[in-house]
PDB file of N, CA and C in Angstrom:
ATOM      1  N   MET A   1     123.352 105.012  76.286  1.00  0.00           N
ATOM      2  CA  MET A   1     123.607 106.083  77.369  1.00  0.00           C
ATOM      3  C   MET A   1     122.942 107.449  77.383  1.00  0.00           C
ATOM      4  N   ILE A   2     122.483 107.791  76.244  1.00  0.00           N
ATOM      5  CA  ILE A   2     121.597 109.082  76.201  1.00  0.00           C
ATOM      6  C   ILE A   2     120.321 108.598  76.738  1.00  0.00           C
ATOM      7  N   GLN A   3     119.764 107.618  76.499  1.00  0.00           N
ATOM      8  CA  GLN A   3     118.477 107.140  77.231  1.00  0.00           C
ATOM      9  C   GLN A   3     118.440 106.959  78.570  1.00  0.00           C
ATOM     10  N   ARG A   4     119.847 106.508  79.361  1.00  0.00           N
ATOM     11  CA  ARG A   4     119.764 106.508  80.583  1.00  0.00           C
ATOM     12  C   ARG A   4     120.014 108.082  81.272  1.00  0.00           C
ATOM     13  N   MET A   5     120.560 108.759  80.760  1.00  0.00           N
ATOM     14  CA  MET A   5     120.728 110.322  81.133  1.00  0.00           C
ATOM     15  C   MET A   5     119.483 110.992  81.022  1.00  0.00           C
ATOM     16  N   PHE A   6     118.691 110.613  79.946  1.00  0.00           N
ATOM     17  CA  PHE A   6     117.169 111.142  80.044  1.00  0.00           C
ATOM     18  C   PHE A   6     116.461 110.644  81.010  1.00  0.00           C
ATOM     19  N   ARG A   7     116.670 109.215  81.216  1.00  0.00           N
ATOM     20  CA  ARG A   7     115.832 108.628  82.299  1.00  0.00           C
ATOM     21  C   ARG A   7     116.161 109.243  83.828  1.00  0.00           C
ATOM     22  N   VAL A   8     117.257 109.610  83.952  1.00  0.00           N
ATOM     23  CA  VAL A   8     117.849 110.186  85.255  1.00  0.00           C
ATOM     24  C   VAL A   8     117.108 111.548  85.306  1.00  0.00           C
ATOM     25  N   ALA A   9     117.169 112.621  84.284  1.00  0.00           N
ATOM     26  CA  ALA A   9     116.740 113.682  84.405  1.00  0.00           C
ATOM     27  C   ALA A   9     115.319 113.804  84.214  1.00  0.00           C
ATOM     28  N   LEU A  10     114.551 112.883  83.734  1.00  0.00           N
ATOM     29  CA  LEU A  10     113.363 112.692  83.898  1.00  0.00           C
ATOM     30  C   LEU A  10     112.902 112.478  85.215  1.00  0.00           C
ATOM     31  N   ALA A  11     113.671 111.543  86.004  1.00  0.00           N
ATOM     32  CA  ALA A  11     113.218 111.137  87.352  1.00  0.00           C
ATOM     33  C   ALA A  11     113.428 112.230  88.265  1.00  0.00           C
ATOM     34  N   ALA A  12     114.404 113.132  88.239  1.00  0.00           N
ATOM     35  CA  ALA A  12     114.704 114.220  88.779  1.00  0.00           C
ATOM     36  C   ALA A  12     113.640 115.286  88.729  1.00  0.00           C
ATOM     37  N   LEU A  13     113.052 115.473  87.464  1.00  0.00           N
ATOM     38  CA  LEU A  13     112.247 116.336  87.197  1.00  0.00           C
ATOM     39  C   LEU A  13     110.920 115.894  87.676  1.00  0.00           C
ATOM     40  N   ALA A  14     110.582 114.793  87.766  1.00  0.00           N
ATOM     41  CA  ALA A  14     109.491 114.183  88.376  1.00  0.00           C
ATOM     42  C   ALA A  14     109.476 114.211  89.956  1.00  0.00           C
ATOM     43  N   VAL A  15     110.549 114.287  90.571  1.00  0.00           N
ATOM     44  CA  VAL A  15     110.506 114.401  91.914  1.00  0.00           C
ATOM     45  C   VAL A  15     110.520 115.713  92.320  1.00  0.00           C
ATOM     46  N   SER A  16     111.153 116.549  91.561  1.00  0.00           N
ATOM     47  CA  SER A  16     110.874 118.146  91.963  1.00  0.00           C
ATOM     48  C   SER A  16     109.370 118.553  91.721  1.00  0.00           C
ATOM     49  N   VAL A  17     108.635 117.995  90.943  1.00  0.00           N
ATOM     50  CA  VAL A  17     107.407 118.273  90.843  1.00  0.00           C
ATOM     51  C   VAL A  17     106.537 117.737  91.689  1.00  0.00           C
ATOM     52  N   VAL A  18     106.691 116.420  92.170  1.00  0.00           N
ATOM     53  CA  VAL A  18     106.035 115.820  93.114  1.00  0.00           C
ATOM     54  C   VAL A  18     106.264 116.245  94.477  1.00  0.00           C
ATOM     55  N   LEU A  19     107.603 116.536  94.558  1.00  0.00           N
ATOM     56  CA  LEU A  19     107.992 116.840  96.140  1.00  0.00           C
ATOM     57  C   LEU A  19     108.277 118.319  96.489  1.00  0.00           C
ATOM     58  N   GLY A  20     108.202 119.098  95.071  1.00  0.00           N
ATOM     59  CA  GLY A  20     108.339 120.566  95.329  1.00  0.00           C
ATOM     60  C   GLY A  20     107.061 121.176  96.183  1.00  0.00           C
ATOM     61  N   HIS A  21     107.514 122.277  96.408  1.00  0.00           N
ATOM     62  CA  HIS A  21     106.392 123.407  96.998  1.00  0.00           C
ATOM     63  C   HIS A  21     106.239 122.947  98.440  1.00  0.00           C
ATOM     64  N   GLY A  22     107.076 122.432  99.149  1.00  0.00           N
ATOM     65  CA  GLY A  22     107.121 122.010 100.551  1.00  0.00           C
ATOM     66  C   GLY A  22     106.473 120.584 100.752  1.00  0.00           C
ATOM     67  N   ALA A  23     106.389 119.943  99.702  1.00  0.00           N
ATOM     68  CA  ALA A  23     105.574 118.496 100.083  1.00  0.00           C
ATOM     69  C   ALA A  23     106.612 117.532 100.464  1.00  0.00           C
ATOM     70  N   ALA A  24     108.078 117.990 100.368  1.00  0.00           N
ATOM     71  CA  ALA A  24     109.013 117.201 100.870  1.00  0.00           C
ATOM     72  C   ALA A  24     108.946 117.301 102.388  1.00  0.00           C
ATOM     73  N   LEU A  25     108.487 118.510 102.961  1.00  0.00           N
ATOM     74  CA  LEU A  25     108.403 118.538 104.262  1.00  0.00           C
ATOM     75  C   LEU A  25     107.389 117.638 104.953  1.00  0.00           C
ATOM     76  N   ALA A  26     106.263 117.404 104.008  1.00  0.00           N
ATOM     77  CA  ALA A  26     105.474 116.523 104.413  1.00  0.00           C
ATOM     78  C   ALA A  26     105.674 114.832 104.712  1.00  0.00           C
ATOM     79  N   ALA A  27     106.691 114.655 104.289  1.00  0.00           N
ATOM     80  CA  ALA A  27     107.425 113.265 104.132  1.00  0.00           C
ATOM     81  C   ALA A  27     107.353 112.756 105.614  1.00  0.00           C
ATOM     82  N   SER A  28     107.119 111.612 105.661  1.00  0.00           N
ATOM     83  CA  SER A  28     106.947 110.888 107.237  1.00  0.00           C
ATOM     84  C   SER A  28     108.083 109.743 107.427  1.00  0.00           C
ATOM     85  N   ALA A  29     109.056 110.330 108.513  1.00  0.00           N
ATOM     86  CA  ALA A  29     110.092 109.331 108.839  1.00  0.00           C
ATOM     87  C   ALA A  29     109.500 107.885 109.297  1.00  0.00           C
ATOM     88  N   GLU A  30     108.355 107.889 109.805  1.00  0.00           N
ATOM     89  CA  GLU A  30     107.519 106.892 110.519  1.00  0.00           C
ATOM     90  C   GLU A  30     107.016 105.865 109.277  1.00  0.00           C
ATOM     91  N   LYS A  31     106.311 106.318 108.158  1.00  0.00           N
ATOM     92  CA  LYS A  31     105.862 105.603 107.113  1.00  0.00           C
ATOM     93  C   LYS A  31     107.125 105.376 106.251  1.00  0.00           C
ATOM     94  N   GLY A  32     107.892 106.360 106.333  1.00  0.00           N
ATOM     95  CA  GLY A  32     109.257 105.747 105.546  1.00  0.00           C
ATOM     96  C   GLY A  32     109.990 104.552 106.166  1.00  0.00           C
ATOM     97  N   LYS A  33     109.975 104.353 107.511  1.00  0.00           N
ATOM     98  CA  LYS A  33     110.607 103.262 108.145  1.00  0.00           C
ATOM     99  C   LYS A  33     109.892 101.731 107.693  1.00  0.00           C
ATOM    100  N   ALA A  34     108.447 102.162 107.853  1.00  0.00           N
ATOM    101  CA  ALA A  34     107.780 100.772 107.218  1.00  0.00           C
ATOM    102  C   ALA A  34     107.781 100.520 105.633  1.00  0.00           C
ATOM    103  N   ALA A  35     107.912 101.618 105.037  1.00  0.00           N
ATOM    104  CA  ALA A  35     108.251 101.336 103.445  1.00  0.00           C
ATOM    105  C   ALA A  35     109.408 100.751 103.238  1.00  0.00           C
ATOM    106  N   PHE A  36     110.479 101.281 104.108  1.00  0.00           N
ATOM    107  CA  PHE A  36     112.116 100.687 103.959  1.00  0.00           C
ATOM    108  C   PHE A  36     111.874  99.225 104.192  1.00  0.00           C
ATOM    109  N   MET A  37     111.150  98.766 105.222  1.00  0.00           N
ATOM    110  CA  MET A  37     110.887  97.223 105.519  1.00  0.00           C
ATOM    111  C   MET A  37     110.079  96.748 104.429  1.00  0.00           C
ATOM    112  N   LYS A  38     108.960  97.219 104.112  1.00  0.00           N
ATOM    113  CA  LYS A  38     108.292  96.711 103.075  1.00  0.00           C
ATOM    114  C   LYS A  38     108.854  96.323 101.962  1.00  0.00           C
ATOM    115  N   TYR A  39     109.626  97.093 101.303  1.00  0.00           N
ATOM    116  CA  TYR A  39     110.295  97.220 100.052  1.00  0.00           C
ATOM    117  C   TYR A  39     111.628  96.215 100.013  1.00  0.00           C
ATOM    118  N   GLY A  40     111.966  95.757 101.260  1.00  0.00           N
ATOM    119  CA  GLY A  40     113.133  94.889 101.333  1.00  0.00           C
ATOM    120  C   GLY A  40     114.541  95.742 101.344  1.00  0.00           C
ATOM    121  N   CYS A  41     114.413  96.962 101.601  1.00  0.00           N
ATOM    122  CA  CYS A  41     115.675  97.657 101.426  1.00  0.00           C
ATOM    123  C   CYS A  41     116.396  97.185 102.468  1.00  0.00           C
ATOM    124  N   TRP A  42     116.060  96.726 103.654  1.00  0.00           N
ATOM    125  CA  TRP A  42     116.779  96.420 104.737  1.00  0.00           C
ATOM    126  C   TRP A  42     117.737  95.322 104.527  1.00  0.00           C
ATOM    127  N   GLN A  43     117.201  94.530 103.894  1.00  0.00           N
ATOM    128  CA  GLN A  43     118.006  93.165 103.523  1.00  0.00           C
ATOM    129  C   GLN A  43     119.417  93.611 102.976  1.00  0.00           C
ATOM    130  N   CYS A  44     119.597  94.433 102.209  1.00  0.00           N
ATOM    131  CA  CYS A  44     120.946  94.660 101.816  1.00  0.00           C
ATOM    132  C   CYS A  44     121.591  96.115 102.520  1.00  0.00           C
ATOM    133  N   HIS A  45     120.671  97.004 103.095  1.00  0.00           N
ATOM    134  CA  HIS A  45     121.268  98.508 103.434  1.00  0.00           C
ATOM    135  C   HIS A  45     121.000  98.124 105.340  1.00  0.00           C
ATOM    136  N   GLY A  46     120.790  97.105 105.737  1.00  0.00           N
ATOM    137  CA  GLY A  46     120.638  97.191 107.215  1.00  0.00           C
ATOM    138  C   GLY A  46     119.264  97.953 107.482  1.00  0.00           C
ATOM    139  N   THR A  47     118.612  97.729 108.761  1.00  0.00           N
ATOM    140  CA  THR A  47     117.412  98.319 109.178  1.00  0.00           C
ATOM    141  C   THR A  47     117.611  99.776 109.538  1.00  0.00           C
ATOM    142  N   GLN A  48     118.778 100.265 109.553  1.00  0.00           N
ATOM    143  CA  GLN A  48     118.785 101.779 109.890  1.00  0.00           C
ATOM    144  C   GLN A  48     119.748 102.483 108.696  1.00  0.00           C
ATOM    145  N   GLY A  49     119.702 101.643 107.588  1.00  0.00           N
ATOM    146  CA  GLY A  49     120.763 101.976 106.357  1.00  0.00           C
ATOM    147  C   GLY A  49     122.231 102.151 106.827  1.00  0.00           C
ATOM    148  N   GLN A  50     122.515 101.324 107.668  1.00  0.00           N
ATOM    149  CA  GLN A  50     123.898 101.111 108.010  1.00  0.00           C
ATOM    150  C   GLN A  50     124.793 100.559 107.095  1.00  0.00           C
ATOM    151  N   GLY A  51     124.274 100.050 105.904  1.00  0.00           N
ATOM    152  CA  GLY A  51     125.162  98.986 104.913  1.00  0.00           C
ATOM    153  C   GLY A  51     125.324  97.711 105.551  1.00  0.00           C
ATOM    154  N   SER A  52     125.832  96.796 104.668  1.00  0.00           N
ATOM    155  CA  SER A  52     126.062  95.468 105.198  1.00  0.00           C
ATOM    156  C   SER A  52     127.451  94.935 104.692  1.00  0.00           C
ATOM    157  N   ALA A  53     128.048  94.363 105.752  1.00  0.00           N
ATOM    158  CA  ALA A  53     129.339  93.975 105.432  1.00  0.00           C
ATOM    159  C   ALA A  53     129.165  92.490 104.992  1.00  0.00           C
ATOM    160  N   ILE A  54     128.225  91.824 105.192  1.00  0.00           N
ATOM    161  CA  ILE A  54     127.923  90.534 104.528  1.00  0.00           C
ATOM    162  C   ILE A  54     127.615  90.535 103.098  1.00  0.00           C
ATOM    163  N   THR A  55     126.792  91.399 102.742  1.00  0.00           N
ATOM    164  CA  THR A  55     126.508  91.273 101.127  1.00  0.00           C
ATOM    165  C   THR A  55     127.408  92.245 100.404  1.00  0.00           C
ATOM    166  N   SER A  56     128.034  93.256 101.217  1.00  0.00           N
ATOM    167  CA  SER A  56     128.843  94.442 100.503  1.00  0.00           C
ATOM    168  C   SER A  56     128.522  94.824  99.370  1.00  0.00           C
ATOM    169  N   GLN A  57     127.253  94.765  99.031  1.00  0.00           N
ATOM    170  CA  GLN A  57     126.363  95.387  97.963  1.00  0.00           C
ATOM    171  C   GLN A  57     125.566  96.402  98.722  1.00  0.00           C
ATOM    172  N   GLY A  58     125.002  96.184  99.777  1.00  0.00           N
ATOM    173  CA  GLY A  58     124.259  97.303 100.652  1.00  0.00           C
ATOM    174  C   GLY A  58     125.059  98.416 101.056  1.00  0.00           C
ATOM    175  N   LYS A  59     124.969  99.457 100.368  1.00  0.00           N
ATOM    176  CA  LYS A  59     125.916 100.644 100.853  1.00  0.00           C
ATOM    177  C   LYS A  59     125.266 101.353 101.987  1.00  0.00           C
ATOM    178  N   VAL A  60     126.018 102.197 102.579  1.00  0.00           N
ATOM    179  CA  VAL A  60     125.590 103.011 103.638  1.00  0.00           C
ATOM    180  C   VAL A  60     124.571 103.950 103.379  1.00  0.00           C
ATOM    181  N   LEU A  61     123.620 104.269 103.928  1.00  0.00           N
ATOM    182  CA  LEU A  61     122.515 105.154 103.298  1.00  0.00           C
ATOM    183  C   LEU A  61     122.161 106.312 104.358  1.00  0.00           C
ATOM    184  N   ALA A  62     122.643 105.845 105.621  1.00  0.00           N
ATOM    185  CA  ALA A  62     122.205 106.852 106.768  1.00  0.00           C
ATOM    186  C   ALA A  62     123.380 106.925 107.583  1.00  0.00           C
ATOM    187  N   PRO A  63     123.483 107.958 108.448  1.00  0.00           N
ATOM    188  CA  PRO A  63     122.900 109.069 108.347  1.00  0.00           C
ATOM    189  C   PRO A  63     123.408 109.720 107.266  1.00  0.00           C
ATOM    190  N   ASP A  64     122.787 110.966 106.920  1.00  0.00           N
ATOM    191  CA  ASP A  64     123.237 111.820 105.832  1.00  0.00           C
ATOM    192  C   ASP A  64     123.015 111.198 104.487  1.00  0.00           C
ATOM    193  N   PRO A  65     121.833 111.005 104.043  1.00  0.00           N
ATOM    194  CA  PRO A  65     121.466 110.084 102.859  1.00  0.00           C
ATOM    195  C   PRO A  65     121.792 111.297 101.901  1.00  0.00           C
ATOM    196  N   LEU A  66     121.949 110.639 100.377  1.00  0.00           N
ATOM    197  CA  LEU A  66     122.047 111.926  99.292  1.00  0.00           C
ATOM    198  C   LEU A  66     120.823 112.781  99.312  1.00  0.00           C
ATOM    199  N   PRO A  67     121.078 113.686  98.746  1.00  0.00           N
ATOM    200  CA  PRO A  67     119.866 114.822  98.466  1.00  0.00           C
ATOM    201  C   PRO A  67     118.930 114.094  98.001  1.00  0.00           C
ATOM    202  N   ILE A  68     117.527 114.468  98.101  1.00  0.00           N
ATOM    203  CA  ILE A  68     116.465 113.899  97.754  1.00  0.00           C
ATOM    204  C   ILE A  68     116.329 113.570  96.189  1.00  0.00           C
ATOM    205  N   GLU A  69     116.661 114.484  95.468  1.00  0.00           N
ATOM    206  CA  GLU A  69     116.706 114.478  94.047  1.00  0.00           C
ATOM    207  C   GLU A  69     118.039 113.432  93.449  1.00  0.00           C
ATOM    208  N   GLY A  70     118.865 113.251  94.011  1.00  0.00           N
ATOM    209  CA  GLY A  70     119.861 112.302  93.687  1.00  0.00           C
ATOM    210  C   GLY A  70     119.446 110.991  94.112  1.00  0.00           C
ATOM    211  N   PHE A  71     119.054 110.808  95.364  1.00  0.00           N
ATOM    212  CA  PHE A  71     118.281 109.611  95.950  1.00  0.00           C
ATOM    213  C   PHE A  71     117.170 108.991  95.093  1.00  0.00           C
ATOM    214  N   VAL A  72     116.426 109.792  94.505  1.00  0.00           N
ATOM    215  CA  VAL A  72     115.217 109.269  93.767  1.00  0.00           C
ATOM    216  C   VAL A  72     115.897 108.812  92.342  1.00  0.00           C
ATOM    217  N   ALA A  73     116.670 109.763  91.687  1.00  0.00           N
ATOM    218  CA  ALA A  73     117.471 109.296  90.542  1.00  0.00           C
ATOM    219  C   ALA A  73     118.111 108.214  90.588  1.00  0.00           C
ATOM    220  N   PHE A  74     118.863 107.863  91.536  1.00  0.00           N
ATOM    221  CA  PHE A  74     119.751 106.606  91.818  1.00  0.00           C
ATOM    222  C   PHE A  74     118.783 105.452  91.801  1.00  0.00           C
ATOM    223  N   VAL A  75     117.822 105.609  92.564  1.00  0.00           N
ATOM    224  CA  VAL A  75     116.745 104.564  92.794  1.00  0.00           C
ATOM    225  C   VAL A  75     115.978 104.130  91.383  1.00  0.00           C
ATOM    226  N   ARG A  76     115.544 105.204  90.771  1.00  0.00           N
ATOM    227  CA  ARG A  76     114.737 105.140  89.622  1.00  0.00           C
ATOM    228  C   ARG A  76     115.584 104.333  88.382  1.00  0.00           C
ATOM    229  N   SER A  77     117.089 104.720  88.303  1.00  0.00           N
ATOM    230  CA  SER A  77     117.738 104.523  87.230  1.00  0.00           C
ATOM    231  C   SER A  77     119.161 103.565  87.257  1.00  0.00           C
ATOM    232  N   THR A  78     119.182 103.115  88.548  1.00  0.00           N
ATOM    233  CA  THR A  78     120.712 102.294  88.874  1.00  0.00           C
ATOM    234  C   THR A  78     120.599 101.181  87.862  1.00  0.00           C
ATOM    235  N   ASN A  79     121.989 100.882  87.527  1.00  0.00           N
ATOM    236  CA  ASN A  79     122.196  99.563  86.922  1.00  0.00           C
ATOM    237  C   ASN A  79     123.366  98.774  87.618  1.00  0.00           C
ATOM    238  N   ARG A  80     123.474  98.749  88.684  1.00  0.00           N
ATOM    239  CA  ARG A  80     124.353  98.356  89.317  1.00  0.00           C
ATOM    240  C   ARG A  80     123.994  97.241  89.993  1.00  0.00           C
ATOM    241  N   GLY A  81     124.450  96.744  91.121  1.00  0.00           N
ATOM    242  CA  GLY A  81     124.169  95.604  91.981  1.00  0.00           C
ATOM    243  C   GLY A  81     122.403  95.787  92.604  1.00  0.00           C
ATOM    244  N   MET A  82     121.819  96.935  92.679  1.00  0.00           N
ATOM    245  CA  MET A  82     120.555  97.077  92.788  1.00  0.00           C
ATOM    246  C   MET A  82     119.558  97.329  91.638  1.00  0.00           C
ATOM    247  N   PRO A  83     118.720  96.401  91.771  1.00  0.00           N
ATOM    248  CA  PRO A  83     117.713  96.884  90.478  1.00  0.00           C
ATOM    249  C   PRO A  83     117.071  98.221  90.644  1.00  0.00           C
ATOM    250  N   PRO A  84     116.737  98.821  89.502  1.00  0.00           N
ATOM    251  CA  PRO A  84     116.113  99.923  89.391  1.00  0.00           C
ATOM    252  C   PRO A  84     114.735  99.834  89.863  1.00  0.00           C
ATOM    253  N   TYR A  85     113.911 100.760  90.649  1.00  0.00           N
ATOM    254  CA  TYR A  85     112.608 100.475  91.110  1.00  0.00           C
ATOM    255  C   TYR A  85     111.839 101.590  90.292  1.00  0.00           C
ATOM    256  N   SER A  86     110.932 101.331  89.447  1.00  0.00           N
ATOM    257  CA  SER A  86     110.147 102.258  88.799  1.00  0.00           C
ATOM    258  C   SER A  86     108.914 102.772  89.822  1.00  0.00           C
ATOM    259  N   GLU A  87     108.448 103.939  89.341  1.00  0.00           N
ATOM    260  CA  GLU A  87     107.244 104.359  90.206  1.00  0.00           C
ATOM    261  C   GLU A  87     106.144 103.443  90.299  1.00  0.00           C
ATOM    262  N   LYS A  88     105.621 102.711  89.177  1.00  0.00           N
ATOM    263  CA  LYS A  88     105.021 101.473  89.331  1.00  0.00           C
ATOM    264  C   LYS A  88     105.146 100.886  90.524  1.00  0.00           C
ATOM    265  N   ILE A  89     106.552 100.403  90.944  1.00  0.00           N
ATOM    266  CA  ILE A  89     106.622  99.577  91.933  1.00  0.00           C
ATOM    267  C   ILE A  89     106.782 100.175  93.493  1.00  0.00           C
ATOM    268  N   LEU A  90     107.513 101.459  93.322  1.00  0.00           N
ATOM    269  CA  LEU A  90     107.742 102.169  94.364  1.00  0.00           C
ATOM    270  C   LEU A  90     107.459 103.738  94.335  1.00  0.00           C
ATOM    271  N   PRO A  91     106.413 103.995  94.697  1.00  0.00           N
ATOM    272  CA  PRO A  91     105.746 105.381  94.291  1.00  0.00           C
ATOM    273  C   PRO A  91     106.777 106.405  94.924  1.00  0.00           C
ATOM    274  N   ASN A  92     106.533 107.797  94.336  1.00  0.00           N
ATOM    275  CA  ASN A  92     107.397 108.756  94.754  1.00  0.00           C
ATOM    276  C   ASN A  92     107.160 109.277  96.315  1.00  0.00           C
ATOM    277  N   GLU A  93     105.955 109.012  96.646  1.00  0.00           N
ATOM    278  CA  GLU A  93     105.399 109.289  98.135  1.00  0.00           C
ATOM    279  C   GLU A  93     106.380 108.318  99.038  1.00  0.00           C
ATOM    280  N   ASP A  94     106.258 107.056  98.583  1.00  0.00           N
ATOM    281  CA  ASP A  94     107.137 106.110  99.697  1.00  0.00           C
ATOM    282  C   ASP A  94     108.467 106.256  99.530  1.00  0.00           C
ATOM    283  N   LEU A  95     108.994 106.817  98.496  1.00  0.00           N
ATOM    284  CA  LEU A  95     110.515 107.195  98.448  1.00  0.00           C
ATOM    285  C   LEU A  95     110.539 108.291  99.148  1.00  0.00           C
ATOM    286  N   ALA A  96     109.860 109.346  99.004  1.00  0.00           N
ATOM    287  CA  ALA A  96     110.107 110.706 100.196  1.00  0.00           C
ATOM    288  C   ALA A  96     110.062 110.257 101.222  1.00  0.00           C
ATOM    289  N   ASP A  97     109.191 109.258 101.859  1.00  0.00           N
ATOM    290  CA  ASP A  97     109.120 108.762 103.102  1.00  0.00           C
ATOM    291  C   ASP A  97     110.480 107.891 103.509  1.00  0.00           C
ATOM    292  N   MET A  98     110.869 107.258 102.696  1.00  0.00           N
ATOM    293  CA  MET A  98     112.175 106.518 102.800  1.00  0.00           C
ATOM    294  C   MET A  98     113.141 107.468 103.217  1.00  0.00           C
ATOM    295  N   HIS A  99     113.185 108.586 102.325  1.00  0.00           N
ATOM    296  CA  HIS A  99     114.414 109.509 102.517  1.00  0.00           C
ATOM    297  C   HIS A  99     114.411 109.969 103.854  1.00  0.00           C
ATOM    298  N   ALA A 100     113.114 110.727 104.130  1.00  0.00           N
ATOM    299  CA  ALA A 100     112.756 111.148 105.576  1.00  0.00           C
ATOM    300  C   ALA A 100     113.316 110.244 106.611  1.00  0.00           C
ATOM    301  N   TYR A 101     113.080 108.983 106.565  1.00  0.00           N
ATOM    302  CA  TYR A 101     113.460 108.192 107.445  1.00  0.00           C
ATOM    303  C   TYR A 101     114.846 108.145 107.638  1.00  0.00           C
ATOM    304  N   LEU A 102     115.669 107.793 106.537  1.00  0.00           N
ATOM    305  CA  LEU A 102     116.842 107.831 106.599  1.00  0.00           C
ATOM    306  C   LEU A 102     117.647 108.994 107.168  1.00  0.00           C
ATOM    307  N   ALA A 103     117.064 110.229 106.680  1.00  0.00           N
ATOM    308  CA  ALA A 103     117.492 111.561 107.201  1.00  0.00           C
ATOM    309  C   ALA A 103     117.453 111.799 108.769  1.00  0.00           C
ATOM    310  N   SER A 104     116.313 110.866 109.206  1.00  0.00           N
ATOM    311  CA  SER A 104     115.841 111.133 110.791  1.00  0.00           C
ATOM    312  C   SER A 104     116.987 110.330 111.666  1.00  0.00           C
ATOM    313  N   ILE A 105     117.797 109.205 111.041  1.00  0.00           N
ATOM    314  CA  ILE A 105     118.645 108.425 111.796  1.00  0.00           C
ATOM    315  C   ILE A 105     119.700 109.243 112.367  1.00  0.00           C
ATOM    316  N   PRO A 106     119.860 109.411 113.509  1.00  0.00           N
ATOM    317  CA  PRO A 106     120.905 110.007 114.152  1.00  0.00           C
ATOM    318  C   PRO A 106     122.329 109.425 114.050  1.00  0.00           C
ATOM    319  N   LYS A 107     123.328 110.214 114.075  1.00  0.00           N
ATOM    320  CA  LYS A 107     124.725 109.865 113.629  1.00  0.00           C
ATOM    321  C   LYS A 107     124.971 108.992 114.933  1.00  0.00           C
ATOM    322  N   THR A 108     125.819 108.182 114.615  1.00  0.00           N
ATOM    323  CA  THR A 108     126.492 107.231 116.129  1.00  0.00           C
ATOM    324  C   THR A 108     127.290 108.029 116.752  1.00  0.00           C
ATOM    325  N   LYS A 109     127.221 107.742 118.143  1.00  0.00           N
ATOM    326  CA  LYS A 109     128.164 108.620 119.109  1.00  0.00           C
ATOM    327  C   LYS A 109     129.502 108.437 118.866  1.00  0.00           C
ATOM    328  N   ASP A 110     130.539 109.037 118.904  1.00  0.00           N
ATOM    329  CA  ASP A 110     131.966 108.951 118.924  1.00  0.00           C
ATOM    330  C   ASP A 110     132.141 108.034 120.184  1.00  0.00           C
ATOM    331  N   TYR A 111     133.014 107.151 119.994  1.00  0.00           N
ATOM    332  CA  TYR A 111     133.408 106.007 120.910  1.00  0.00           C
ATOM    333  C   TYR A 111     134.160 106.797 122.175  1.00  0.00           C
ATOM    334  N   LYS A 112     134.718 107.880 121.975  1.00  0.00           N
ATOM    335  CA  LYS A 112     135.329 108.510 123.269  1.00  0.00           C
ATOM    336  C   LYS A 112     134.259 109.048 124.156  1.00  0.00           C
ATOM    337  N   THR A 113     132.869 109.159 123.700  1.00  0.00           N
ATOM    338  CA  THR A 113     131.935 109.695 124.728  1.00  0.00           C
ATOM    339  C   THR A 113     131.233 108.498 125.534  1.00  0.00           C
ATOM    340  N   ILE A 114     131.669 107.352 125.325  1.00  0.00           N
ATOM    341  CA  ILE A 114     131.022 106.187 125.880  1.00  0.00           C
ATOM    342  C   ILE A 114     132.044 105.965 127.102  1.00  0.00           C
ATOM    343  N   PRO A 115     131.642 106.225 128.419  1.00  0.00           N
ATOM    344  CA  PRO A 115     132.372 105.966 129.450  1.00  0.00           C
ATOM    345  C   PRO A 115     133.079 104.380 129.461  1.00  0.00           C
ATOM    346  N   LEU A 116     132.114 103.372 129.311  1.00  0.00           N
ATOM    347  CA  LEU A 116     132.582 102.020 129.434  1.00  0.00           C
ATOM    348  C   LEU A 116     133.750 101.786 128.533  1.00  0.00           C
ATOM    349  N   LEU A 117     133.879 102.440 127.368  1.00  0.00           N
ATOM    350  CA  LEU A 117     134.816 102.039 126.301  1.00  0.00           C
ATOM    351  C   LEU A 117     135.907 102.887 126.767  1.00  0.00           C
ATOM    352  N   ASN A 118     136.005 103.610 127.508  1.00  0.00           N
ATOM    353  CA  ASN A 118     137.215 104.619 127.981  1.00  0.00           C
ATOM    354  C   ASN A 118     137.845 104.153 129.269  1.00  0.00           C
ATOM    355  N   GLN A 119     137.589 103.004 129.659  1.00  0.00           N
ATOM    356  CA  GLN A 119     138.178 102.340 131.054  1.00  0.00           C
ATOM    357  C   GLN A 119     139.300 101.836 130.749  1.00  0.00           C
TER     358      GLN A 119
END
């Protein structure tokens, strides 16, 4: 348990160092979408992070993803249905881009604003 907490803290520290000082602003939603597809995240989480009713493992990621530090810490150290992804497999830059992609996905419209559904 202590090792797990240490790994999560270390991952959060690494993210703050790598992404700190404005580098998070340089993350690319376009590259993030490509990385989301490349690493197979879409298979459980849907192509827009909407989650999956079929697998029930793919949690909703967008819109409003976790803060970047929590997102990275979870991806690096999860021991649940999703395997952890080390930096050797999924670089911090790709992870930051994926977070930017998920953050760029707009919220769905309220059904009340869709005329066809209100007839």
